[in-house]
Amino acid sequence: MSKVVQQGLKVLEVEAQAILGLRDRIGVDFEKAVQMIKDCQGKLILTGMGKSGQIARKLASTFSSTGTPAVFLHPAESSHGDLGIVESKDVVIAISYGGESPEFTGILKYVARKSIPMIALTGKPGSSLAKAAQVTLNVYVSEEACPLNLAPTASSTATLAMGDAVAMAVMTEKGFSSQDFAEFHPGGSLGYRLLTRVSDVMHFGEALPTVGLDAPLRQVFSAMTHKDVRGAAGVVDEKGDLVGVITDGQIRRRLEKSDDPLTGTAKDLMTTSPRTIDANEFAEKALFVMEQFQINMLFVLDKDSATPKKPVGILHVQDLLKAKVR
């Protein structure tokens, strides 16, 4: 094993142990921090210098995307007017492994004067920062992953992990759902997958293959092959309600077993009680239903309409795959 590989493995081992070492510190103070953020009536202010500042920026983004409005405040800039962003209803999370960064002086004095609650993430529980905070989360590590034991590596990893743990606990306490997450991520593939409704991707109107109960099988075959969605036809009664479905699999079986496959009507061949999906359901649920029952198509109903059993569309599994609903 080369020295390069050995060094890489050692870094991962040291940083992994740094994170695992935090498990015993998830206790009362952790619960207090989570409750403080959950009860916050304003926004979350995250601040830090250097590597800690970069972690603060990342955590602000994580909190914002999981239901807790958060912003990053640069400690040095805060003393030149940016403290105006901090309001009485806010909560501050200050991050500094050593806990003695001089740039924090202005912030510490301001939050103390305004009685703004503060959470400290630091590796030095006896530091000035820790003493000024209402809650301190200890992220101390026994060693850095740096060969010189100088560059913030294990300590920054541990700090980020503790911040993520707090954010995820707050998210859970708030009951933040996958749909809420999608609302904040409309531009990404995840957001698209979680926000797309059946009505957004279904075929409707002239593309909807339906026939009457007494339709001759020749007409059924024609409907199944001359529409945008091929391979199935819905059977409707005199009121227009969906009462059955005929698939290409049923057609193939009839051709194999019947001496006169074109004799008969739709009601002779259809399967009753077809699987359906509501137009307002998420497209992801439609894919789940198809996979669960091993089918390729679903007829779509609008259960909130005056005719809840009348088909308004049809959905093929390929429509969902093209829409990247997976």
C-alpha atoms as a PDB file:
ATOM      1  CA  MET A   1       0.000   0.000   0.000  1.00  0.00           C
ATOM      2  CA  SER A   2       1.483   3.363  -1.027  1.00  0.00           C
ATOM      3  CA  LYS A   3       2.041   6.222   1.397  1.00  0.00           C
ATOM      4  CA  VAL A   4      -0.577   8.270  -0.470  1.00  0.00           C
ATOM      5  CA  VAL A   5      -3.232   5.597   0.040  1.00  0.00           C
ATOM      6  CA  GLN A   6      -2.219   5.167   3.674  1.00  0.00           C
ATOM      7  CA  GLN A   7      -2.545   8.897   4.277  1.00  0.00           C
ATOM      8  CA  GLY A   8      -5.953   8.999   2.610  1.00  0.00           C
ATOM      9  CA  LEU A   9      -7.219   6.102   4.710  1.00  0.00           C
ATOM     10  CA  LYS A  10      -5.876   7.676   7.891  1.00  0.00           C
ATOM     11  CA  VAL A  11      -7.694  10.941   7.196  1.00  0.00           C
ATOM     12  CA  LEU A  12     -10.983   9.099   6.707  1.00  0.00           C
ATOM     13  CA  GLU A  13     -10.437   7.066   9.872  1.00  0.00           C
ATOM     14  CA  VAL A  14      -9.613  10.121  11.991  1.00  0.00           C
ATOM     15  CA  GLU A  15     -12.584  12.099  10.684  1.00  0.00           C
ATOM     16  CA  ALA A  16     -14.952   9.145  11.083  1.00  0.00           C
ATOM     17  CA  GLN A  17     -13.861   8.742  14.694  1.00  0.00           C
ATOM     18  CA  ALA A  18     -14.329  12.469  15.251  1.00  0.00           C
ATOM     19  CA  ILE A  19     -17.966  12.183  14.198  1.00  0.00           C
ATOM     20  CA  LEU A  20     -18.571   9.021  16.201  1.00  0.00           C
ATOM     21  CA  GLY A  21     -17.097  10.761  19.240  1.00  0.00           C
ATOM     22  CA  LEU A  22     -19.999  13.222  19.157  1.00  0.00           C
ATOM     23  CA  ARG A  23     -22.572  10.567  19.984  1.00  0.00           C
ATOM     24  CA  ASP A  24     -22.088  10.898  23.742  1.00  0.00           C
ATOM     25  CA  ARG A  25     -22.668  14.663  23.474  1.00  0.00           C
ATOM     26  CA  ILE A  26     -26.133  14.369  21.989  1.00  0.00           C
ATOM     27  CA  GLY A  27     -28.058  14.993  25.172  1.00  0.00           C
ATOM     28  CA  VAL A  28     -29.756  17.715  27.188  1.00  0.00           C
ATOM     29  CA  ASP A  29     -27.906  20.635  25.567  1.00  0.00           C
ATOM     30  CA  PHE A  30     -28.671  19.222  22.141  1.00  0.00           C
ATOM     31  CA  GLU A  31     -32.376  19.054  23.026  1.00  0.00           C
ATOM     32  CA  LYS A  32     -32.267  22.631  24.307  1.00  0.00           C
ATOM     33  CA  ALA A  33     -30.684  23.847  21.073  1.00  0.00           C
ATOM     34  CA  VAL A  34     -33.282  22.069  18.949  1.00  0.00           C
ATOM     35  CA  GLN A  35     -36.153  23.440  21.042  1.00  0.00           C
ATOM     36  CA  MET A  36     -34.704  26.950  20.925  1.00  0.00           C
ATOM     37  CA  ILE A  37     -34.586  26.867  17.130  1.00  0.00           C
ATOM     38  CA  LYS A  38     -38.008  25.251  16.815  1.00  0.00           C
ATOM     39  CA  ASP A  39     -39.550  27.957  19.016  1.00  0.00           C
ATOM     40  CA  CYS A  40     -37.778  30.781  17.159  1.00  0.00           C
ATOM     41  CA  GLN A  41     -40.287  33.355  15.914  1.00  0.00           C
ATOM     42  CA  GLY A  42     -37.775  35.062  13.671  1.00  0.00           C
ATOM     43  CA  LYS A  43     -34.909  33.693  11.635  1.00  0.00           C
ATOM     44  CA  LEU A  44     -31.730  31.796  12.380  1.00  0.00           C
ATOM     45  CA  ILE A  45     -28.463  33.751  12.153  1.00  0.00           C
ATOM     46  CA  LEU A  46     -25.331  31.658  11.581  1.00  0.00           C
ATOM     47  CA  THR A  47     -21.920  33.213  11.941  1.00  0.00           C
ATOM     48  CA  GLY A  48     -18.303  32.108  11.871  1.00  0.00           C
ATOM     49  CA  MET A  49     -14.833  33.044  10.587  1.00  0.00           C
ATOM     50  CA  GLY A  50     -12.585  31.140   8.197  1.00  0.00           C
ATOM     51  CA  LYS A  51     -13.399  27.430   7.932  1.00  0.00           C
ATOM     52  CA  SER A  52     -16.077  27.895  10.579  1.00  0.00           C
ATOM     53  CA  GLY A  53     -17.630  30.588   8.408  1.00  0.00           C
ATOM     54  CA  GLN A  54     -17.801  28.218   5.467  1.00  0.00           C
ATOM     55  CA  ILE A  55     -19.523  25.656   7.673  1.00  0.00           C
ATOM     56  CA  ALA A  56     -21.926  28.353   8.887  1.00  0.00           C
ATOM     57  CA  ARG A  57     -22.815  29.211   5.288  1.00  0.00           C
ATOM     58  CA  LYS A  58     -23.527  25.582   4.498  1.00  0.00           C
ATOM     59  CA  LEU A  59     -25.652  25.112   7.614  1.00  0.00           C
ATOM     60  CA  ALA A  60     -27.632  28.278   6.858  1.00  0.00           C
ATOM     61  CA  SER A  61     -28.481  26.767   3.489  1.00  0.00           C
ATOM     62  CA  THR A  62     -29.427  23.433   5.091  1.00  0.00           C
ATOM     63  CA  PHE A  63     -31.707  25.061   7.659  1.00  0.00           C
ATOM     64  CA  SER A  64     -33.375  27.257   5.012  1.00  0.00           C
ATOM     65  CA  SER A  65     -34.090  24.293   2.741  1.00  0.00           C
ATOM     66  CA  THR A  66     -35.593  22.246   5.573  1.00  0.00           C
ATOM     67  CA  GLY A  67     -38.121  24.702   6.931  1.00  0.00           C
ATOM     68  CA  THR A  68     -36.107  27.100   9.124  1.00  0.00           C
ATOM     69  CA  PRO A  69     -35.339  30.507   7.556  1.00  0.00           C
ATOM     70  CA  ALA A  70     -31.627  31.153   8.070  1.00  0.00           C
ATOM     71  CA  VAL A  71     -28.943  33.573   6.893  1.00  0.00           C
ATOM     72  CA  PHE A  72     -25.172  33.838   7.225  1.00  0.00           C
ATOM     73  CA  LEU A  73     -23.649  36.850   8.976  1.00  0.00           C
ATOM     74  CA  HIS A  74     -19.942  37.543   8.536  1.00  0.00           C
ATOM     75  CA  PRO A  75     -18.472  38.443  11.959  1.00  0.00           C
ATOM     76  CA  ALA A  76     -16.084  41.072  10.583  1.00  0.00           C
ATOM     77  CA  GLU A  77     -18.777  42.732   8.470  1.00  0.00           C
ATOM     78  CA  SER A  78     -21.214  42.670  11.377  1.00  0.00           C
ATOM     79  CA  SER A  79     -19.331  45.487  13.110  1.00  0.00           C
ATOM     80  CA  HIS A  80     -19.772  47.697  10.055  1.00  0.00           C
ATOM     81  CA  GLY A  81     -23.547  47.780   9.840  1.00  0.00           C
ATOM     82  CA  ASP A  82     -24.526  44.201   9.104  1.00  0.00           C
ATOM     83  CA  LEU A  83     -25.674  43.651  12.698  1.00  0.00           C
ATOM     84  CA  GLY A  84     -28.863  45.339  11.548  1.00  0.00           C
ATOM     85  CA  ILE A  85     -29.998  42.004  10.141  1.00  0.00           C
ATOM     86  CA  VAL A  86     -30.214  40.536  13.660  1.00  0.00           C
ATOM     87  CA  GLU A  87     -33.609  41.122  15.275  1.00  0.00           C
ATOM     88  CA  SER A  88     -35.000  40.467  18.733  1.00  0.00           C
ATOM     89  CA  LYS A  89     -36.973  37.386  17.652  1.00  0.00           C
ATOM     90  CA  ASP A  90     -33.974  35.716  16.014  1.00  0.00           C
ATOM     91  CA  VAL A  91     -31.667  32.991  17.304  1.00  0.00           C
ATOM     92  CA  VAL A  92     -27.919  33.127  16.677  1.00  0.00           C
ATOM     93  CA  ILE A  93     -25.654  30.128  16.113  1.00  0.00           C
ATOM     94  CA  ALA A  94     -22.015  31.151  16.501  1.00  0.00           C
ATOM     95  CA  ILE A  95     -19.369  28.701  15.270  1.00  0.00           C
ATOM     96  CA  SER A  96     -15.735  28.829  16.384  1.00  0.00           C
ATOM     97  CA  TYR A  97     -13.683  25.811  17.334  1.00  0.00           C
ATOM     98  CA  GLY A  98     -11.371  27.820  19.603  1.00  0.00           C
ATOM     99  CA  GLY A  99     -14.145  30.119  20.798  1.00  0.00           C
ATOM    100  CA  GLU A 100     -11.909  33.177  21.067  1.00  0.00           C
ATOM    101  CA  SER A 101     -12.114  34.795  17.614  1.00  0.00           C
ATOM    102  CA  PRO A 102     -11.772  38.572  18.173  1.00  0.00           C
ATOM    103  CA  GLU A 103     -14.155  39.226  15.272  1.00  0.00           C
ATOM    104  CA  PHE A 104     -16.996  37.916  17.460  1.00  0.00           C
ATOM    105  CA  THR A 105     -16.681  40.764  19.967  1.00  0.00           C
ATOM    106  CA  GLY A 106     -19.264  42.994  18.314  1.00  0.00           C
ATOM    107  CA  ILE A 107     -21.776  40.193  17.869  1.00  0.00           C
ATOM    108  CA  LEU A 108     -21.405  38.918  21.447  1.00  0.00           C
ATOM    109  CA  LYS A 109     -21.960  42.362  22.901  1.00  0.00           C
ATOM    110  CA  TYR A 110     -24.923  43.023  20.648  1.00  0.00           C
ATOM    111  CA  VAL A 111     -26.809  39.794  21.386  1.00  0.00           C
ATOM    112  CA  ALA A 112     -26.142  40.212  25.116  1.00  0.00           C
ATOM    113  CA  ARG A 113     -27.450  43.769  25.073  1.00  0.00           C
ATOM    114  CA  LYS A 114     -30.551  42.788  23.082  1.00  0.00           C
ATOM    115  CA  SER A 115     -31.129  39.517  25.020  1.00  0.00           C
ATOM    116  CA  ILE A 116     -31.024  37.543  21.773  1.00  0.00           C
ATOM    117  CA  PRO A 117     -30.555  33.812  22.462  1.00  0.00           C
ATOM    118  CA  MET A 118     -27.337  32.261  21.152  1.00  0.00           C
ATOM    119  CA  ILE A 119     -26.103  28.714  20.559  1.00  0.00           C
ATOM    120  CA  ALA A 120     -22.360  28.071  20.394  1.00  0.00           C
ATOM    121  CA  LEU A 121     -20.679  25.290  18.416  1.00  0.00           C
ATOM    122  CA  THR A 122     -17.163  25.107  19.770  1.00  0.00           C
ATOM    123  CA  GLY A 123     -14.461  22.664  20.736  1.00  0.00           C
ATOM    124  CA  LYS A 124     -13.626  24.693  23.852  1.00  0.00           C
ATOM    125  CA  PRO A 125     -16.519  24.595  26.359  1.00  0.00           C
ATOM    126  CA  GLY A 126     -14.658  27.036  28.627  1.00  0.00           C
ATOM    127  CA  SER A 127     -14.111  29.668  25.931  1.00  0.00           C
ATOM    128  CA  SER A 128     -15.507  33.194  25.864  1.00  0.00           C
ATOM    129  CA  LEU A 129     -17.949  32.173  23.156  1.00  0.00           C
ATOM    130  CA  ALA A 130     -19.263  29.244  25.168  1.00  0.00           C
ATOM    131  CA  LYS A 131     -19.692  31.392  28.273  1.00  0.00           C
ATOM    132  CA  ALA A 132     -21.676  33.984  26.312  1.00  0.00           C
ATOM    133  CA  ALA A 133     -24.085  31.407  24.850  1.00  0.00           C
ATOM    134  CA  GLN A 134     -27.272  30.077  26.397  1.00  0.00           C
ATOM    135  CA  VAL A 135     -26.503  26.623  24.972  1.00  0.00           C
ATOM    136  CA  THR A 136     -23.138  25.148  23.999  1.00  0.00           C
ATOM    137  CA  LEU A 137     -22.653  22.140  21.743  1.00  0.00           C
ATOM    138  CA  ASN A 138     -19.216  20.651  22.293  1.00  0.00           C
ATOM    139  CA  VAL A 139     -17.480  19.562  19.062  1.00  0.00           C
ATOM    140  CA  TYR A 140     -14.064  18.838  20.571  1.00  0.00           C
ATOM    141  CA  VAL A 141     -11.856  16.343  18.703  1.00  0.00           C
ATOM    142  CA  SER A 142      -8.736  14.656  20.098  1.00  0.00           C
ATOM    143  CA  GLU A 143      -6.749  15.154  16.897  1.00  0.00           C
ATOM    144  CA  GLU A 144      -6.955  16.691  13.464  1.00  0.00           C
ATOM    145  CA  ALA A 145      -6.625  14.579  10.338  1.00  0.00           C
ATOM    146  CA  CYS A 146      -3.866  16.917   9.183  1.00  0.00           C
ATOM    147  CA  PRO A 147      -0.406  15.215   9.429  1.00  0.00           C
ATOM    148  CA  LEU A 148       0.796  18.328  11.247  1.00  0.00           C
ATOM    149  CA  ASN A 149      -2.269  18.310  13.509  1.00  0.00           C
ATOM    150  CA  LEU A 150      -2.808  21.941  12.531  1.00  0.00           C
ATOM    151  CA  ALA A 151      -5.222  22.403   9.601  1.00  0.00           C
ATOM    152  CA  PRO A 152      -8.916  22.219  10.627  1.00  0.00           C
ATOM    153  CA  THR A 153     -10.003  18.855   9.254  1.00  0.00           C
ATOM    154  CA  ALA A 154     -11.507  16.511  11.819  1.00  0.00           C
ATOM    155  CA  SER A 155     -12.708  19.494  13.857  1.00  0.00           C
ATOM    156  CA  SER A 156     -14.490  21.090  10.898  1.00  0.00           C
ATOM    157  CA  THR A 157     -16.017  17.734   9.925  1.00  0.00           C
ATOM    158  CA  ALA A 158     -17.299  17.222  13.466  1.00  0.00           C
ATOM    159  CA  THR A 159     -18.722  20.748  13.568  1.00  0.00           C
ATOM    160  CA  LEU A 160     -20.545  20.259  10.298  1.00  0.00           C
ATOM    161  CA  ALA A 161     -21.909  16.907  11.445  1.00  0.00           C
ATOM    162  CA  MET A 162     -23.203  18.386  14.702  1.00  0.00           C
ATOM    163  CA  GLY A 163     -24.850  21.227  12.791  1.00  0.00           C
ATOM    164  CA  ASP A 164     -26.497  18.770  10.423  1.00  0.00           C
ATOM    165  CA  ALA A 165     -27.714  16.730  13.395  1.00  0.00           C
ATOM    166  CA  VAL A 166     -29.368  19.816  14.861  1.00  0.00           C
ATOM    167  CA  ALA A 167     -30.923  20.788  11.520  1.00  0.00           C
ATOM    168  CA  MET A 168     -32.367  17.322  10.936  1.00  0.00           C
ATOM    169  CA  ALA A 169     -33.733  17.126  14.474  1.00  0.00           C
ATOM    170  CA  VAL A 170     -35.408  20.523  14.057  1.00  0.00           C
ATOM    171  CA  MET A 171     -36.844  19.435  10.718  1.00  0.00           C
ATOM    172  CA  THR A 172     -38.297  16.315  12.309  1.00  0.00           C
ATOM    173  CA  GLU A 173     -39.766  18.265  15.231  1.00  0.00           C
ATOM    174  CA  LYS A 174     -41.439  20.664  12.819  1.00  0.00           C
ATOM    175  CA  GLY A 175     -42.986  17.811  10.844  1.00  0.00           C
ATOM    176  CA  PHE A 176     -41.290  18.965   7.646  1.00  0.00           C
ATOM    177  CA  SER A 177     -42.345  16.635   4.793  1.00  0.00           C
ATOM    178  CA  SER A 178     -40.948  15.638   1.427  1.00  0.00           C
ATOM    179  CA  GLN A 179     -43.618  17.805  -0.213  1.00  0.00           C
ATOM    180  CA  ASP A 180     -42.458  20.781   1.865  1.00  0.00           C
ATOM    181  CA  PHE A 181     -38.905  20.035   0.748  1.00  0.00           C
ATOM    182  CA  ALA A 182     -40.003  19.973  -2.881  1.00  0.00           C
ATOM    183  CA  GLU A 183     -41.654  23.388  -2.515  1.00  0.00           C
ATOM    184  CA  PHE A 184     -38.237  24.814  -1.665  1.00  0.00           C
ATOM    185  CA  HIS A 185     -36.503  22.931  -4.518  1.00  0.00           C
ATOM    186  CA  PRO A 186     -38.756  23.466  -7.569  1.00  0.00           C
ATOM    187  CA  GLY A 187     -35.828  23.708  -9.968  1.00  0.00           C
ATOM    188  CA  GLY A 188     -34.188  20.399  -9.146  1.00  0.00           C
ATOM    189  CA  SER A 189     -35.048  16.899 -10.288  1.00  0.00           C
ATOM    190  CA  LEU A 190     -36.178  15.987  -6.773  1.00  0.00           C
ATOM    191  CA  GLY A 191     -38.543  18.933  -6.634  1.00  0.00           C
ATOM    192  CA  TYR A 192     -39.936  18.107 -10.057  1.00  0.00           C
ATOM    193  CA  ARG A 193     -40.482  14.499  -9.034  1.00  0.00           C
ATOM    194  CA  LEU A 194     -42.276  15.468  -5.846  1.00  0.00           C
ATOM    195  CA  LEU A 195     -44.360  18.285  -7.310  1.00  0.00           C
ATOM    196  CA  THR A 196     -45.528  16.739 -10.601  1.00  0.00           C
ATOM    197  CA  ARG A 197     -49.186  15.733 -10.549  1.00  0.00           C
ATOM    198  CA  VAL A 198     -50.873  13.049 -12.628  1.00  0.00           C
ATOM    199  CA  SER A 199     -52.792  15.767 -14.480  1.00  0.00           C
ATOM    200  CA  ASP A 200     -49.479  17.273 -15.604  1.00  0.00           C
ATOM    201  CA  VAL A 201     -48.389  14.206 -17.569  1.00  0.00           C
ATOM    202  CA  MET A 202     -51.562  12.300 -18.498  1.00  0.00           C
ATOM    203  CA  HIS A 203     -53.092  12.021 -21.997  1.00  0.00           C
ATOM    204  CA  PHE A 204     -56.598  13.450 -22.302  1.00  0.00           C
ATOM    205  CA  GLY A 205     -59.257  14.595 -24.743  1.00  0.00           C
ATOM    206  CA  GLU A 206     -59.036  12.973 -28.185  1.00  0.00           C
ATOM    207  CA  ALA A 207     -56.083  10.907 -26.995  1.00  0.00           C
ATOM    208  CA  LEU A 208     -58.259   9.067 -24.476  1.00  0.00           C
ATOM    209  CA  PRO A 209     -59.131   5.570 -25.797  1.00  0.00           C
ATOM    210  CA  THR A 210     -62.639   4.661 -24.592  1.00  0.00           C
ATOM    211  CA  VAL A 211     -65.423   2.517 -26.009  1.00  0.00           C
ATOM    212  CA  GLY A 212     -68.954   1.613 -24.966  1.00  0.00           C
ATOM    213  CA  LEU A 213     -70.003  -1.661 -23.366  1.00  0.00           C
ATOM    214  CA  ASP A 214     -71.601  -2.887 -26.581  1.00  0.00           C
ATOM    215  CA  ALA A 215     -68.807  -1.741 -28.888  1.00  0.00           C
ATOM    216  CA  PRO A 216     -67.784  -4.493 -31.350  1.00  0.00           C
ATOM    217  CA  LEU A 217     -64.304  -5.865 -30.805  1.00  0.00           C
ATOM    218  CA  ARG A 218     -63.180  -4.424 -34.144  1.00  0.00           C
ATOM    219  CA  GLN A 219     -63.980  -0.969 -32.757  1.00  0.00           C
ATOM    220  CA  VAL A 220     -62.124  -1.812 -29.544  1.00  0.00           C
ATOM    221  CA  PHE A 221     -59.025  -2.852 -31.513  1.00  0.00           C
ATOM    222  CA  SER A 222     -59.223   0.329 -33.532  1.00  0.00           C
ATOM    223  CA  ALA A 223     -59.430   2.518 -30.403  1.00  0.00           C
ATOM    224  CA  MET A 224     -56.425   0.744 -28.939  1.00  0.00           C
ATOM    225  CA  THR A 225     -54.241   1.365 -31.988  1.00  0.00           C
ATOM    226  CA  HIS A 226     -55.311   4.764 -33.315  1.00  0.00           C
ATOM    227  CA  LYS A 227     -54.836   6.866 -30.184  1.00  0.00           C
ATOM    228  CA  ASP A 228     -51.695   8.461 -28.757  1.00  0.00           C
ATOM    229  CA  VAL A 229     -51.589   5.833 -26.010  1.00  0.00           C
ATOM    230  CA  ARG A 230     -51.676   2.356 -27.457  1.00  0.00           C
ATOM    231  CA  GLY A 231     -52.218  -0.907 -25.650  1.00  0.00           C
ATOM    232  CA  ALA A 232     -55.410  -0.335 -23.690  1.00  0.00           C
ATOM    233  CA  ALA A 233     -58.983   0.888 -23.971  1.00  0.00           C
ATOM    234  CA  GLY A 234     -61.350   1.954 -21.244  1.00  0.00           C
ATOM    235  CA  VAL A 235     -64.918   0.677 -21.301  1.00  0.00           C
ATOM    236  CA  VAL A 236     -67.608   3.142 -20.230  1.00  0.00           C
ATOM    237  CA  ASP A 237     -71.320   2.698 -19.534  1.00  0.00           C
ATOM    238  CA  GLU A 238     -74.185   4.851 -20.778  1.00  0.00           C
ATOM    239  CA  LYS A 239     -73.357   7.501 -18.145  1.00  0.00           C
ATOM    240  CA  GLY A 240     -69.762   7.672 -19.271  1.00  0.00           C
ATOM    241  CA  ASP A 241     -68.452   6.030 -16.089  1.00  0.00           C
ATOM    242  CA  LEU A 242     -65.458   3.727 -16.350  1.00  0.00           C
ATOM    243  CA  VAL A 243     -66.590   0.149 -15.735  1.00  0.00           C
ATOM    244  CA  GLY A 244     -63.804  -1.878 -17.291  1.00  0.00           C
ATOM    245  CA  VAL A 245     -60.561  -1.986 -19.222  1.00  0.00           C
ATOM    246  CA  ILE A 246     -59.218  -4.043 -22.105  1.00  0.00           C
ATOM    247  CA  THR A 247     -55.459  -4.440 -22.546  1.00  0.00           C
ATOM    248  CA  ASP A 248     -53.299  -5.748 -25.374  1.00  0.00           C
ATOM    249  CA  GLY A 249     -52.513  -8.772 -23.191  1.00  0.00           C
ATOM    250  CA  GLN A 250     -56.166  -9.746 -23.195  1.00  0.00           C
ATOM    251  CA  ILE A 251     -56.262  -9.316 -26.966  1.00  0.00           C
ATOM    252  CA  ARG A 252     -53.255 -11.610 -27.457  1.00  0.00           C
ATOM    253  CA  ARG A 253     -54.784 -14.285 -25.259  1.00  0.00           C
ATOM    254  CA  ARG A 254     -58.064 -14.095 -27.196  1.00  0.00           C
ATOM    255  CA  LEU A 255     -56.247 -14.432 -30.513  1.00  0.00           C
ATOM    256  CA  GLU A 256     -54.465 -17.527 -29.223  1.00  0.00           C
ATOM    257  CA  LYS A 257     -57.520 -19.266 -27.781  1.00  0.00           C
ATOM    258  CA  SER A 258     -60.497 -18.221 -29.936  1.00  0.00           C
ATOM    259  CA  ASP A 259     -61.379 -19.516 -33.395  1.00  0.00           C
ATOM    260  CA  ASP A 260     -63.293 -16.321 -34.077  1.00  0.00           C
ATOM    261  CA  PRO A 261     -61.470 -13.606 -32.053  1.00  0.00           C
ATOM    262  CA  LEU A 262     -63.328 -10.688 -33.617  1.00  0.00           C
ATOM    263  CA  THR A 263     -66.761 -11.873 -32.513  1.00  0.00           C
ATOM    264  CA  GLY A 264     -68.168 -10.247 -29.414  1.00  0.00           C
ATOM    265  CA  THR A 265     -68.318  -6.881 -27.688  1.00  0.00           C
ATOM    266  CA  ALA A 266     -66.237  -4.927 -25.221  1.00  0.00           C
ATOM    267  CA  LYS A 267     -68.178  -6.191 -22.212  1.00  0.00           C
ATOM    268  CA  ASP A 268     -67.314  -9.787 -23.170  1.00  0.00           C
ATOM    269  CA  LEU A 269     -63.585  -9.160 -22.969  1.00  0.00           C
ATOM    270  CA  MET A 270     -63.105  -6.391 -20.424  1.00  0.00           C
ATOM    271  CA  THR A 271     -61.689  -6.683 -16.938  1.00  0.00           C
ATOM    272  CA  THR A 272     -64.009  -5.097 -14.396  1.00  0.00           C
ATOM    273  CA  SER A 273     -62.882  -2.872 -11.497  1.00  0.00           C
ATOM    274  CA  PRO A 274     -59.814  -1.455 -13.295  1.00  0.00           C
ATOM    275  CA  ARG A 275     -56.980   0.217 -11.412  1.00  0.00           C
ATOM    276  CA  THR A 276     -57.299   4.002 -11.506  1.00  0.00           C
ATOM    277  CA  ILE A 277     -55.548   7.076 -10.126  1.00  0.00           C
ATOM    278  CA  ASP A 278     -56.904  10.509  -9.254  1.00  0.00           C
ATOM    279  CA  ALA A 279     -55.815  13.402 -11.457  1.00  0.00           C
ATOM    280  CA  ASN A 280     -54.694  15.387  -8.417  1.00  0.00           C
ATOM    281  CA  GLU A 281     -52.421  12.671  -7.044  1.00  0.00           C
ATOM    282  CA  PHE A 282     -48.660  13.041  -7.282  1.00  0.00           C
ATOM    283  CA  ALA A 283     -47.255  11.332 -10.356  1.00  0.00           C
ATOM    284  CA  GLU A 284     -44.833   9.496  -8.093  1.00  0.00           C
ATOM    285  CA  LYS A 285     -47.782   7.662  -6.511  1.00  0.00           C
ATOM    286  CA  ALA A 286     -48.991   6.585  -9.948  1.00  0.00           C
ATOM    287  CA  LEU A 287     -45.594   5.019 -10.607  1.00  0.00           C
ATOM    288  CA  PHE A 288     -45.768   3.250  -7.251  1.00  0.00           C
ATOM    289  CA  VAL A 289     -49.201   1.805  -8.089  1.00  0.00           C
ATOM    290  CA  MET A 290     -47.982   0.601 -11.478  1.00  0.00           C
ATOM    291  CA  GLU A 291     -44.969  -1.092  -9.940  1.00  0.00           C
ATOM    292  CA  GLN A 292     -47.014  -2.595  -7.099  1.00  0.00           C
ATOM    293  CA  PHE A 293     -49.583  -4.198  -9.420  1.00  0.00           C
ATOM    294  CA  GLN A 294     -47.179  -4.755 -12.336  1.00  0.00           C
ATOM    295  CA  ILE A 295     -49.229  -2.788 -14.852  1.00  0.00           C
ATOM    296  CA  ASN A 296     -48.188  -0.275 -17.515  1.00  0.00           C
ATOM    297  CA  MET A 297     -51.235   1.992 -17.638  1.00  0.00           C
ATOM    298  CA  LEU A 298     -53.714   3.690 -15.362  1.00  0.00           C
ATOM    299  CA  PHE A 299     -56.937   5.402 -16.265  1.00  0.00           C
ATOM    300  CA  VAL A 300     -57.291   8.766 -14.555  1.00  0.00           C
ATOM    301  CA  LEU A 301     -60.388   9.981 -12.714  1.00  0.00           C
ATOM    302  CA  ASP A 302     -61.234  13.347 -11.195  1.00  0.00           C
ATOM    303  CA  LYS A 303     -62.766  12.409  -7.869  1.00  0.00           C
ATOM    304  CA  ASP A 304     -63.527  16.036  -7.000  1.00  0.00           C
ATOM    305  CA  SER A 305     -65.672  16.578 -10.092  1.00  0.00           C
ATOM    306  CA  ALA A 306     -69.418  16.105 -10.529  1.00  0.00           C
ATOM    307  CA  THR A 307     -68.673  12.865 -12.417  1.00  0.00           C
ATOM    308  CA  PRO A 308     -66.005  11.188 -10.252  1.00  0.00           C
ATOM    309  CA  LYS A 309     -66.147   7.860 -12.116  1.00  0.00           C
ATOM    310  CA  LYS A 310     -65.782   9.321 -15.601  1.00  0.00           C
ATOM    311  CA  PRO A 311     -62.265   8.894 -17.062  1.00  0.00           C
ATOM    312  CA  VAL A 312     -60.502  12.185 -17.752  1.00  0.00           C
ATOM    313  CA  GLY A 313     -57.169  10.791 -18.885  1.00  0.00           C
ATOM    314  CA  ILE A 314     -54.834   7.847 -19.244  1.00  0.00           C
ATOM    315  CA  LEU A 315     -51.279   7.495 -17.994  1.00  0.00           C
ATOM    316  CA  HIS A 316     -48.581   5.170 -19.331  1.00  0.00           C
ATOM    317  CA  VAL A 317     -45.469   4.224 -17.392  1.00  0.00           C
ATOM    318  CA  GLN A 318     -43.361   5.656 -20.222  1.00  0.00           C
ATOM    319  CA  ASP A 319     -44.971   9.061 -19.625  1.00  0.00           C
ATOM    320  CA  LEU A 320     -43.689   8.960 -16.055  1.00  0.00           C
ATOM    321  CA  LEU A 321     -40.210   7.862 -17.067  1.00  0.00           C
ATOM    322  CA  LYS A 322     -39.985  10.610 -19.692  1.00  0.00           C
ATOM    323  CA  ALA A 323     -41.019  13.109 -17.026  1.00  0.00           C
ATOM    324  CA  LYS A 324     -38.194  11.765 -14.811  1.00  0.00           C
ATOM    325  CA  VAL A 325     -40.636  10.752 -12.098  1.00  0.00           C
ATOM    326  CA  ARG A 326     -38.394   8.272 -10.312  1.00  0.00           C
END
